[in-house]
Amino acid sequence: MEKKYIADLESLTPLIGREIRMDGVPIALFRLTDDSVKAISNRCPHKNGPLVEGTVSGTDVFCPLHDYKISLETGIVAAPDEGCVQTYETTVENGKIYLVTSP
């Protein structure tokens, strides 16, 4: 397991997304109210809407284009809609956010 530093926790506003790029891939970061950080692909599977601009409720984000509800934990789109997005494991240590990657 490798960890890549991506941001300081204090730089993220709770419930507001922020895009980062990891190896050219756009990833949406979300700081939840419990200070955990979730990371998912920044493109909705429906029409490629920018999820970073979505509304966060609990552990879900709603796509700003067509209101698809997507779990920040699993990446699965809620029924009756279909689809999923990639999720990424994160860890917060001493106020620093890391993306966990495979070696």
PDB file of N, CA and C in Angstrom:
ATOM      1  N   MET A   1       0.832  -1.179   0.000  1.00  0.00           N
ATOM      2  CA  MET A   1       0.000   0.000   0.000  1.00  0.00           C
ATOM      3  C   MET A   1       0.877   1.243   0.000  1.00  0.00           C
ATOM      4  N   GLU A   2       0.554   2.160  -0.889  1.00  0.00           N
ATOM      5  CA  GLU A   2       1.244   3.453  -0.932  1.00  0.00           C
ATOM      6  C   GLU A   2       0.241   4.548  -0.627  1.00  0.00           C
ATOM      7  N   LYS A   3       0.746   5.649  -0.124  1.00  0.00           N
ATOM      8  CA  LYS A   3      -0.100   6.810   0.132  1.00  0.00           C
ATOM      9  C   LYS A   3       0.498   7.998  -0.588  1.00  0.00           C
ATOM     10  N   LYS A   4      -0.380   8.752  -1.256  1.00  0.00           N
ATOM     11  CA  LYS A   4       0.059   9.978  -1.918  1.00  0.00           C
ATOM     12  C   LYS A   4      -0.642  11.158  -1.268  1.00  0.00           C
ATOM     13  N   TYR A   5       0.161  12.103  -0.810  1.00  0.00           N
ATOM     14  CA  TYR A   5      -0.396  13.327  -0.213  1.00  0.00           C
ATOM     15  C   TYR A   5      -1.160  14.085  -1.287  1.00  0.00           C
ATOM     16  N   ILE A   6      -2.407  14.527  -0.944  1.00  0.00           N
ATOM     17  CA  ILE A   6      -3.194  15.266  -1.934  1.00  0.00           C
ATOM     18  C   ILE A   6      -3.662  16.636  -1.463  1.00  0.00           C
ATOM     19  N   ALA A   7      -3.816  16.833  -0.144  1.00  0.00           N
ATOM     20  CA  ALA A   7      -4.279  18.143   0.340  1.00  0.00           C
ATOM     21  C   ALA A   7      -4.239  18.166   1.863  1.00  0.00           C
ATOM     22  N   ASP A   8      -4.351  19.368   2.409  1.00  0.00           N
ATOM     23  CA  ASP A   8      -4.532  19.531   3.851  1.00  0.00           C
ATOM     24  C   ASP A   8      -6.028  19.531   4.140  1.00  0.00           C
ATOM     25  N   LEU A   9      -6.427  18.887   5.223  1.00  0.00           N
ATOM     26  CA  LEU A   9      -7.839  18.826   5.581  1.00  0.00           C
ATOM     27  C   LEU A   9      -8.440  20.223   5.703  1.00  0.00           C
ATOM     28  N   GLU A  10      -7.705  21.148   6.296  1.00  0.00           N
ATOM     29  CA  GLU A  10      -8.232  22.502   6.505  1.00  0.00           C
ATOM     30  C   GLU A  10      -8.471  23.248   5.191  1.00  0.00           C
ATOM     31  N   SER A  11      -7.908  22.760   4.093  1.00  0.00           N
ATOM     32  CA  SER A  11      -8.120  23.427   2.802  1.00  0.00           C
ATOM     33  C   SER A  11      -9.451  23.036   2.151  1.00  0.00           C
ATOM     34  N   LEU A  12     -10.111  22.021   2.713  1.00  0.00           N
ATOM     35  CA  LEU A  12     -11.407  21.598   2.181  1.00  0.00           C
ATOM     36  C   LEU A  12     -12.536  22.144   3.039  1.00  0.00           C
ATOM     37  N   THR A  13     -13.517  22.746   2.389  1.00  0.00           N
ATOM     38  CA  THR A  13     -14.712  23.221   3.077  1.00  0.00           C
ATOM     39  C   THR A  13     -15.671  22.044   3.210  1.00  0.00           C
ATOM     40  N   PRO A  14     -16.187  21.795   4.412  1.00  0.00           N
ATOM     41  CA  PRO A  14     -17.125  20.681   4.562  1.00  0.00           C
ATOM     42  C   PRO A  14     -18.290  20.773   3.566  1.00  0.00           C
ATOM     43  N   LEU A  15     -18.593  19.628   2.954  1.00  0.00           N
ATOM     44  CA  LEU A  15     -19.716  19.436   2.027  1.00  0.00           C
ATOM     45  C   LEU A  15     -19.569  20.157   0.689  1.00  0.00           C
ATOM     46  N   ILE A  16     -18.405  20.724   0.425  1.00  0.00           N
ATOM     47  CA  ILE A  16     -18.129  21.380  -0.853  1.00  0.00           C
ATOM     48  C   ILE A  16     -17.015  20.599  -1.555  1.00  0.00           C
ATOM     49  N   GLY A  17     -17.262  20.212  -2.797  1.00  0.00           N
ATOM     50  CA  GLY A  17     -16.284  19.409  -3.526  1.00  0.00           C
ATOM     51  C   GLY A  17     -15.081  20.204  -3.993  1.00  0.00           C
ATOM     52  N   ARG A  18     -14.005  19.482  -4.204  1.00  0.00           N
ATOM     53  CA  ARG A  18     -12.783  20.069  -4.762  1.00  0.00           C
ATOM     54  C   ARG A  18     -12.155  19.039  -5.695  1.00  0.00           C
ATOM     55  N   GLU A  19     -11.801  19.465  -6.894  1.00  0.00           N
ATOM     56  CA  GLU A  19     -11.196  18.548  -7.854  1.00  0.00           C
ATOM     57  C   GLU A  19      -9.682  18.535  -7.710  1.00  0.00           C
ATOM     58  N   ILE A  20      -9.145  17.326  -7.757  1.00  0.00           N
ATOM     59  CA  ILE A  20      -7.700  17.144  -7.872  1.00  0.00           C
ATOM     60  C   ILE A  20      -7.471  16.259  -9.086  1.00  0.00           C
ATOM     61  N   ARG A  21      -6.250  16.166  -9.514  1.00  0.00           N
ATOM     62  CA  ARG A  21      -5.896  15.242 -10.597  1.00  0.00           C
ATOM     63  C   ARG A  21      -4.790  14.340 -10.102  1.00  0.00           C
ATOM     64  N   MET A  22      -4.994  13.061 -10.325  1.00  0.00           N
ATOM     65  CA  MET A  22      -3.993  12.073  -9.966  1.00  0.00           C
ATOM     66  C   MET A  22      -3.648  11.318 -11.232  1.00  0.00           C
ATOM     67  N   ASP A  23      -2.419  11.490 -11.703  1.00  0.00           N
ATOM     68  CA  ASP A  23      -1.985  10.875 -12.961  1.00  0.00           C
ATOM     69  C   ASP A  23      -2.924  11.250 -14.110  1.00  0.00           C
ATOM     70  N   GLY A  24      -3.383  12.504 -14.110  1.00  0.00           N
ATOM     71  CA  GLY A  24      -4.254  13.002 -15.179  1.00  0.00           C
ATOM     72  C   GLY A  24      -5.721  12.669 -15.020  1.00  0.00           C
ATOM     73  N   VAL A  25      -6.076  11.899 -13.995  1.00  0.00           N
ATOM     74  CA  VAL A  25      -7.466  11.500 -13.777  1.00  0.00           C
ATOM     75  C   VAL A  25      -8.140  12.492 -12.828  1.00  0.00           C
ATOM     76  N   PRO A  26      -9.298  13.071 -13.244  1.00  0.00           N
ATOM     77  CA  PRO A  26     -10.005  14.004 -12.359  1.00  0.00           C
ATOM     78  C   PRO A  26     -10.726  13.262 -11.234  1.00  0.00           C
ATOM     79  N   ILE A  27     -10.437  13.661 -10.007  1.00  0.00           N
ATOM     80  CA  ILE A  27     -11.020  13.044  -8.818  1.00  0.00           C
ATOM     81  C   ILE A  27     -11.684  14.143  -7.997  1.00  0.00           C
ATOM     82  N   ALA A  28     -12.903  13.849  -7.528  1.00  0.00           N
ATOM     83  CA  ALA A  28     -13.634  14.794  -6.678  1.00  0.00           C
ATOM     84  C   ALA A  28     -13.415  14.411  -5.218  1.00  0.00           C
ATOM     85  N   LEU A  29     -12.982  15.371  -4.419  1.00  0.00           N
ATOM     86  CA  LEU A  29     -12.799  15.172  -2.976  1.00  0.00           C
ATOM     87  C   LEU A  29     -13.935  15.855  -2.242  1.00  0.00           C
ATOM     88  N   PHE A  30     -14.431  15.195  -1.197  1.00  0.00           N
ATOM     89  CA  PHE A  30     -15.478  15.771  -0.363  1.00  0.00           C
ATOM     90  C   PHE A  30     -15.137  15.561   1.098  1.00  0.00           C
ATOM     91  N   ARG A  31     -15.133  16.655   1.862  1.00  0.00           N
ATOM     92  CA  ARG A  31     -14.948  16.583   3.312  1.00  0.00           C
ATOM     93  C   ARG A  31     -16.344  16.528   3.934  1.00  0.00           C
ATOM     94  N   LEU A  32     -16.621  15.465   4.664  1.00  0.00           N
ATOM     95  CA  LEU A  32     -17.927  15.312   5.288  1.00  0.00           C
ATOM     96  C   LEU A  32     -17.950  16.005   6.645  1.00  0.00           C
ATOM     97  N   THR A  33     -19.122  16.076   7.249  1.00  0.00           N
ATOM     98  CA  THR A  33     -19.259  16.809   8.514  1.00  0.00           C
ATOM     99  C   THR A  33     -18.484  16.172   9.659  1.00  0.00           C
ATOM    100  N   ASP A  34     -18.138  14.879   9.538  1.00  0.00           N
ATOM    101  CA  ASP A  34     -17.342  14.223  10.578  1.00  0.00           C
ATOM    102  C   ASP A  34     -15.834  14.319  10.302  1.00  0.00           C
ATOM    103  N   ASP A  35     -15.466  15.139   9.305  1.00  0.00           N
ATOM    104  CA  ASP A  35     -14.085  15.367   8.875  1.00  0.00           C
ATOM    105  C   ASP A  35     -13.464  14.177   8.146  1.00  0.00           C
ATOM    106  N   SER A  36     -14.266  13.168   7.800  1.00  0.00           N
ATOM    107  CA  SER A  36     -13.755  12.132   6.911  1.00  0.00           C
ATOM    108  C   SER A  36     -13.734  12.710   5.504  1.00  0.00           C
ATOM    109  N   VAL A  37     -12.901  12.133   4.646  1.00  0.00           N
ATOM    110  CA  VAL A  37     -12.780  12.620   3.274  1.00  0.00           C
ATOM    111  C   VAL A  37     -13.066  11.471   2.316  1.00  0.00           C
ATOM    112  N   LYS A  38     -13.967  11.722   1.370  1.00  0.00           N
ATOM    113  CA  LYS A  38     -14.320  10.732   0.360  1.00  0.00           C
ATOM    114  C   LYS A  38     -13.793  11.214  -0.983  1.00  0.00           C
ATOM    115  N   ALA A  39     -13.383  10.262  -1.815  1.00  0.00           N
ATOM    116  CA  ALA A  39     -12.849  10.584  -3.136  1.00  0.00           C
ATOM    117  C   ALA A  39     -13.496   9.662  -4.165  1.00  0.00           C
ATOM    118  N   ILE A  40     -14.029  10.267  -5.233  1.00  0.00           N
ATOM    119  CA  ILE A  40     -14.655   9.508  -6.312  1.00  0.00           C
ATOM    120  C   ILE A  40     -14.266  10.123  -7.654  1.00  0.00           C
ATOM    121  N   SER A  41     -14.483   9.367  -8.704  1.00  0.00           N
ATOM    122  CA  SER A  41     -14.281   9.905 -10.047  1.00  0.00           C
ATOM    123  C   SER A  41     -15.148  11.153 -10.194  1.00  0.00           C
ATOM    124  N   ASN A  42     -14.646  12.155 -10.882  1.00  0.00           N
ATOM    125  CA  ASN A  42     -15.374  13.420 -10.999  1.00  0.00           C
ATOM    126  C   ASN A  42     -16.317  13.460 -12.196  1.00  0.00           C
ATOM    127  N   ARG A  43     -16.768  12.345 -12.677  1.00  0.00           N
ATOM    128  CA  ARG A  43     -17.684  12.332 -13.821  1.00  0.00           C
ATOM    129  C   ARG A  43     -18.856  11.408 -13.541  1.00  0.00           C
ATOM    130  N   CYS A  44     -20.074  11.949 -13.616  1.00  0.00           N
ATOM    131  CA  CYS A  44     -21.285  11.163 -13.441  1.00  0.00           C
ATOM    132  C   CYS A  44     -21.385  10.165 -14.600  1.00  0.00           C
ATOM    133  N   PRO A  45     -21.814   8.924 -14.331  1.00  0.00           N
ATOM    134  CA  PRO A  45     -21.907   7.935 -15.402  1.00  0.00           C
ATOM    135  C   PRO A  45     -23.037   8.208 -16.386  1.00  0.00           C
ATOM    136  N   HIS A  46     -23.938   9.133 -16.066  1.00  0.00           N
ATOM    137  CA  HIS A  46     -25.072   9.420 -16.933  1.00  0.00           C
ATOM    138  C   HIS A  46     -24.686  10.303 -18.101  1.00  0.00           C
ATOM    139  N   LYS A  47     -24.274  11.533 -17.820  1.00  0.00           N
ATOM    140  CA  LYS A  47     -23.914  12.487 -18.885  1.00  0.00           C
ATOM    141  C   LYS A  47     -22.590  13.193 -18.593  1.00  0.00           C
ATOM    142  N   ASN A  48     -21.731  12.546 -17.806  1.00  0.00           N
ATOM    143  CA  ASN A  48     -20.414  13.095 -17.468  1.00  0.00           C
ATOM    144  C   ASN A  48     -20.471  14.403 -16.695  1.00  0.00           C
ATOM    145  N   GLY A  49     -21.535  14.602 -15.928  1.00  0.00           N
ATOM    146  CA  GLY A  49     -21.641  15.809 -15.107  1.00  0.00           C
ATOM    147  C   GLY A  49     -20.502  15.888 -14.099  1.00  0.00           C
ATOM    148  N   PRO A  50     -20.052  17.098 -13.773  1.00  0.00           N
ATOM    149  CA  PRO A  50     -18.952  17.275 -12.815  1.00  0.00           C
ATOM    150  C   PRO A  50     -19.451  17.078 -11.380  1.00  0.00           C
ATOM    151  N   LEU A  51     -19.192  15.928 -10.808  1.00  0.00           N
ATOM    152  CA  LEU A  51     -19.706  15.613  -9.472  1.00  0.00           C
ATOM    153  C   LEU A  51     -19.172  16.555  -8.402  1.00  0.00           C
ATOM    154  N   VAL A  52     -18.006  17.129  -8.629  1.00  0.00           N
ATOM    155  CA  VAL A  52     -17.427  18.066  -7.672  1.00  0.00           C
ATOM    156  C   VAL A  52     -18.356  19.275  -7.439  1.00  0.00           C
ATOM    157  N   GLU A  53     -19.237  19.554  -8.388  1.00  0.00           N
ATOM    158  CA  GLU A  53     -20.188  20.662  -8.264  1.00  0.00           C
ATOM    159  C   GLU A  53     -21.524  20.217  -7.670  1.00  0.00           C
ATOM    160  N   GLY A  54     -21.624  18.935  -7.301  1.00  0.00           N
ATOM    161  CA  GLY A  54     -22.871  18.393  -6.784  1.00  0.00           C
ATOM    162  C   GLY A  54     -23.132  18.784  -5.340  1.00  0.00           C
ATOM    163  N   THR A  55     -24.354  18.484  -4.906  1.00  0.00           N
ATOM    164  CA  THR A  55     -24.778  18.740  -3.540  1.00  0.00           C
ATOM    165  C   THR A  55     -24.552  17.484  -2.712  1.00  0.00           C
ATOM    166  N   VAL A  56     -23.902  17.643  -1.556  1.00  0.00           N
ATOM    167  CA  VAL A  56     -23.628  16.520  -0.668  1.00  0.00           C
ATOM    168  C   VAL A  56     -24.705  16.460   0.406  1.00  0.00           C
ATOM    169  N   SER A  57     -25.207  15.234   0.638  1.00  0.00           N
ATOM    170  CA  SER A  57     -26.165  14.984   1.712  1.00  0.00           C
ATOM    171  C   SER A  57     -25.769  13.673   2.368  1.00  0.00           C
ATOM    172  N   GLY A  58     -25.349  13.743   3.620  1.00  0.00           N
ATOM    173  CA  GLY A  58     -24.876  12.535   4.297  1.00  0.00           C
ATOM    174  C   GLY A  58     -23.636  12.008   3.610  1.00  0.00           C
ATOM    175  N   THR A  59     -23.724  10.783   3.099  1.00  0.00           N
ATOM    176  CA  THR A  59     -22.593  10.182   2.386  1.00  0.00           C
ATOM    177  C   THR A  59     -22.923   9.999   0.906  1.00  0.00           C
ATOM    178  N   ASP A  60     -23.780  10.871   0.382  1.00  0.00           N
ATOM    179  CA  ASP A  60     -24.154  10.838  -1.033  1.00  0.00           C
ATOM    180  C   ASP A  60     -23.883  12.198  -1.665  1.00  0.00           C
ATOM    181  N   VAL A  61     -23.679  12.173  -2.983  1.00  0.00           N
ATOM    182  CA  VAL A  61     -23.576  13.409  -3.748  1.00  0.00           C
ATOM    183  C   VAL A  61     -24.617  13.327  -4.865  1.00  0.00           C
ATOM    184  N   PHE A  62     -25.246  14.453  -5.143  1.00  0.00           N
ATOM    185  CA  PHE A  62     -26.243  14.534  -6.197  1.00  0.00           C
ATOM    186  C   PHE A  62     -25.638  15.255  -7.390  1.00  0.00           C
ATOM    187  N   CYS A  63     -25.640  14.610  -8.551  1.00  0.00           N
ATOM    188  CA  CYS A  63     -25.067  15.197  -9.755  1.00  0.00           C
ATOM    189  C   CYS A  63     -25.771  16.521 -10.060  1.00  0.00           C
ATOM    190  N   PRO A  64     -25.014  17.559 -10.382  1.00  0.00           N
ATOM    191  CA  PRO A  64     -25.613  18.860 -10.649  1.00  0.00           C
ATOM    192  C   PRO A  64     -26.407  18.917 -11.957  1.00  0.00           C
ATOM    193  N   LEU A  65     -26.228  17.963 -12.848  1.00  0.00           N
ATOM    194  CA  LEU A  65     -26.939  18.002 -14.132  1.00  0.00           C
ATOM    195  C   LEU A  65     -28.335  17.388 -14.070  1.00  0.00           C
ATOM    196  N   HIS A  66     -28.437  16.173 -13.535  1.00  0.00           N
ATOM    197  CA  HIS A  66     -29.731  15.478 -13.568  1.00  0.00           C
ATOM    198  C   HIS A  66     -30.089  14.837 -12.232  1.00  0.00           C
ATOM    199  N   ASP A  67     -29.419  15.266 -11.163  1.00  0.00           N
ATOM    200  CA  ASP A  67     -29.763  14.867  -9.803  1.00  0.00           C
ATOM    201  C   ASP A  67     -29.584  13.380  -9.505  1.00  0.00           C
ATOM    202  N   TYR A  68     -28.714  12.693 -10.239  1.00  0.00           N
ATOM    203  CA  TYR A  68     -28.409  11.299  -9.897  1.00  0.00           C
ATOM    204  C   TYR A  68     -27.802  11.280  -8.498  1.00  0.00           C
ATOM    205  N   LYS A  69     -28.273  10.378  -7.654  1.00  0.00           N
ATOM    206  CA  LYS A  69     -27.759  10.232  -6.293  1.00  0.00           C
ATOM    207  C   LYS A  69     -26.679   9.146  -6.299  1.00  0.00           C
ATOM    208  N   ILE A  70     -25.471   9.522  -5.900  1.00  0.00           N
ATOM    209  CA  ILE A  70     -24.328   8.613  -5.960  1.00  0.00           C
ATOM    210  C   ILE A  70     -23.696   8.494  -4.575  1.00  0.00           C
ATOM    211  N   SER A  71     -23.484   7.249  -4.142  1.00  0.00           N
ATOM    212  CA  SER A  71     -22.864   7.006  -2.847  1.00  0.00           C
ATOM    213  C   SER A  71     -21.381   7.379  -2.899  1.00  0.00           C
ATOM    214  N   LEU A  72     -20.954   8.185  -1.938  1.00  0.00           N
ATOM    215  CA  LEU A  72     -19.540   8.534  -1.838  1.00  0.00           C
ATOM    216  C   LEU A  72     -18.728   7.377  -1.262  1.00  0.00           C
ATOM    217  N   GLU A  73     -19.407   6.400  -0.688  1.00  0.00           N
ATOM    218  CA  GLU A  73     -18.712   5.252  -0.099  1.00  0.00           C
ATOM    219  C   GLU A  73     -18.518   4.119  -1.097  1.00  0.00           C
ATOM    220  N   THR A  74     -19.537   3.856  -1.930  1.00  0.00           N
ATOM    221  CA  THR A  74     -19.468   2.724  -2.858  1.00  0.00           C
ATOM    222  C   THR A  74     -19.367   3.137  -4.317  1.00  0.00           C
ATOM    223  N   GLY A  75     -19.762   4.367  -4.634  1.00  0.00           N
ATOM    224  CA  GLY A  75     -19.771   4.821  -6.019  1.00  0.00           C
ATOM    225  C   GLY A  75     -21.008   4.403  -6.790  1.00  0.00           C
ATOM    226  N   ILE A  76     -21.920   3.693  -6.140  1.00  0.00           N
ATOM    227  CA  ILE A  76     -23.115   3.177  -6.819  1.00  0.00           C
ATOM    228  C   ILE A  76     -24.199   4.245  -6.893  1.00  0.00           C
ATOM    229  N   VAL A  77     -24.828   4.335  -8.070  1.00  0.00           N
ATOM    230  CA  VAL A  77     -25.942   5.250  -8.291  1.00  0.00           C
ATOM    231  C   VAL A  77     -27.196   4.621  -7.696  1.00  0.00           C
ATOM    232  N   ALA A  78     -27.977   5.418  -6.977  1.00  0.00           N
ATOM    233  CA  ALA A  78     -29.203   4.923  -6.345  1.00  0.00           C
ATOM    234  C   ALA A  78     -30.284   4.643  -7.384  1.00  0.00           C
ATOM    235  N   ALA A  79     -31.035   3.556  -7.133  1.00  0.00           N
ATOM    236  CA  ALA A  79     -32.174   3.195  -7.991  1.00  0.00           C
ATOM    237  C   ALA A  79     -33.239   4.284  -7.886  1.00  0.00           C
ATOM    238  N   PRO A  80     -34.000   4.517  -8.926  1.00  0.00           N
ATOM    239  CA  PRO A  80     -34.157   3.683 -10.115  1.00  0.00           C
ATOM    240  C   PRO A  80     -33.099   3.948 -11.188  1.00  0.00           C
ATOM    241  N   ASP A  81     -32.198   4.907 -10.943  1.00  0.00           N
ATOM    242  CA  ASP A  81     -31.138   5.160 -11.910  1.00  0.00           C
ATOM    243  C   ASP A  81     -30.092   4.056 -11.798  1.00  0.00           C
ATOM    244  N   GLU A  82     -29.197   3.991 -12.766  1.00  0.00           N
ATOM    245  CA  GLU A  82     -28.193   2.937 -12.777  1.00  0.00           C
ATOM    246  C   GLU A  82     -26.810   3.501 -13.058  1.00  0.00           C
ATOM    247  N   GLY A  83     -25.801   2.756 -12.648  1.00  0.00           N
ATOM    248  CA  GLY A  83     -24.427   3.117 -12.939  1.00  0.00           C
ATOM    249  C   GLY A  83     -23.586   3.159 -11.686  1.00  0.00           C
ATOM    250  N   CYS A  84     -22.313   3.434 -11.875  1.00  0.00           N
ATOM    251  CA  CYS A  84     -21.408   3.590 -10.738  1.00  0.00           C
ATOM    252  C   CYS A  84     -20.187   4.381 -11.194  1.00  0.00           C
ATOM    253  N   VAL A  85     -19.489   4.914 -10.219  1.00  0.00           N
ATOM    254  CA  VAL A  85     -18.247   5.634 -10.470  1.00  0.00           C
ATOM    255  C   VAL A  85     -17.165   5.014  -9.599  1.00  0.00           C
ATOM    256  N   GLN A  86     -15.941   5.230  -9.981  1.00  0.00           N
ATOM    257  CA  GLN A  86     -14.794   4.727  -9.214  1.00  0.00           C
ATOM    258  C   GLN A  86     -14.693   5.476  -7.895  1.00  0.00           C
ATOM    259  N   THR A  87     -14.426   4.735  -6.840  1.00  0.00           N
ATOM    260  CA  THR A  87     -14.134   5.341  -5.540  1.00  0.00           C
ATOM    261  C   THR A  87     -12.650   5.147  -5.249  1.00  0.00           C
ATOM    262  N   TYR A  88     -12.125   6.000  -4.397  1.00  0.00           N
ATOM    263  CA  TYR A  88     -10.714   5.937  -4.022  1.00  0.00           C
ATOM    264  C   TYR A  88     -10.616   5.981  -2.508  1.00  0.00           C
ATOM    265  N   GLU A  89      -9.745   5.160  -1.962  1.00  0.00           N
ATOM    266  CA  GLU A  89      -9.554   5.140  -0.517  1.00  0.00           C
ATOM    267  C   GLU A  89      -8.712   6.344  -0.095  1.00  0.00           C
ATOM    268  N   THR A  90      -9.144   6.978   0.981  1.00  0.00           N
ATOM    269  CA  THR A  90      -8.389   8.105   1.532  1.00  0.00           C
ATOM    270  C   THR A  90      -8.112   7.849   3.007  1.00  0.00           C
ATOM    271  N   THR A  91      -7.136   8.546   3.512  1.00  0.00           N
ATOM    272  CA  THR A  91      -6.848   8.527   4.945  1.00  0.00           C
ATOM    273  C   THR A  91      -6.423   9.939   5.344  1.00  0.00           C
ATOM    274  N   VAL A  92      -6.772  10.317   6.557  1.00  0.00           N
ATOM    275  CA  VAL A  92      -6.380  11.619   7.086  1.00  0.00           C
ATOM    276  C   VAL A  92      -5.463  11.374   8.279  1.00  0.00           C
ATOM    277  N   GLU A  93      -4.268  11.922   8.200  1.00  0.00           N
ATOM    278  CA  GLU A  93      -3.282  11.767   9.266  1.00  0.00           C
ATOM    279  C   GLU A  93      -2.690  13.121   9.593  1.00  0.00           C
ATOM    280  N   ASN A  94      -2.825  13.529  10.840  1.00  0.00           N
ATOM    281  CA  ASN A  94      -2.271  14.805  11.299  1.00  0.00           C
ATOM    282  C   ASN A  94      -2.697  15.963  10.402  1.00  0.00           C
ATOM    283  N   GLY A  95      -3.964  15.955   9.982  1.00  0.00           N
ATOM    284  CA  GLY A  95      -4.487  17.054   9.182  1.00  0.00           C
ATOM    285  C   GLY A  95      -4.111  17.003   7.709  1.00  0.00           C
ATOM    286  N   LYS A  96      -3.461  15.939   7.286  1.00  0.00           N
ATOM    287  CA  LYS A  96      -3.082  15.789   5.884  1.00  0.00           C
ATOM    288  C   LYS A  96      -3.890  14.644   5.269  1.00  0.00           C
ATOM    289  N   ILE A  97      -4.345  14.864   4.034  1.00  0.00           N
ATOM    290  CA  ILE A  97      -5.154  13.874   3.331  1.00  0.00           C
ATOM    291  C   ILE A  97      -4.273  13.121   2.349  1.00  0.00           C
ATOM    292  N   TYR A  98      -4.399  11.804   2.381  1.00  0.00           N
ATOM    293  CA  TYR A  98      -3.643  10.944   1.467  1.00  0.00           C
ATOM    294  C   TYR A  98      -4.614  10.073   0.679  1.00  0.00           C
ATOM    295  N   LEU A  99      -4.277   9.851  -0.573  1.00  0.00           N
ATOM    296  CA  LEU A  99      -4.971   8.888  -1.412  1.00  0.00           C
ATOM    297  C   LEU A  99      -4.195   7.588  -1.311  1.00  0.00           C
ATOM    298  N   VAL A 100      -4.871   6.513  -0.971  1.00  0.00           N
ATOM    299  CA  VAL A 100      -4.223   5.227  -0.826  1.00  0.00           C
ATOM    300  C   VAL A 100      -4.204   4.539  -2.187  1.00  0.00           C
ATOM    301  N   THR A 101      -3.032   4.135  -2.614  1.00  0.00           N
ATOM    302  CA  THR A 101      -2.887   3.504  -3.930  1.00  0.00           C
ATOM    303  C   THR A 101      -2.183   2.175  -3.789  1.00  0.00           C
ATOM    304  N   SER A 102      -2.300   1.363  -4.805  1.00  0.00           N
ATOM    305  CA  SER A 102      -1.582   0.086  -4.835  1.00  0.00           C
ATOM    306  C   SER A 102      -0.147   0.348  -5.277  1.00  0.00           C
ATOM    307  N   PRO A 103       0.793  -0.472  -4.791  1.00  0.00           N
ATOM    308  CA  PRO A 103       2.188  -0.270  -5.184  1.00  0.00           C
ATOM    309  C   PRO A 103       2.422  -0.592  -6.646  1.00  0.00           C
TER     310      PRO A 103
END
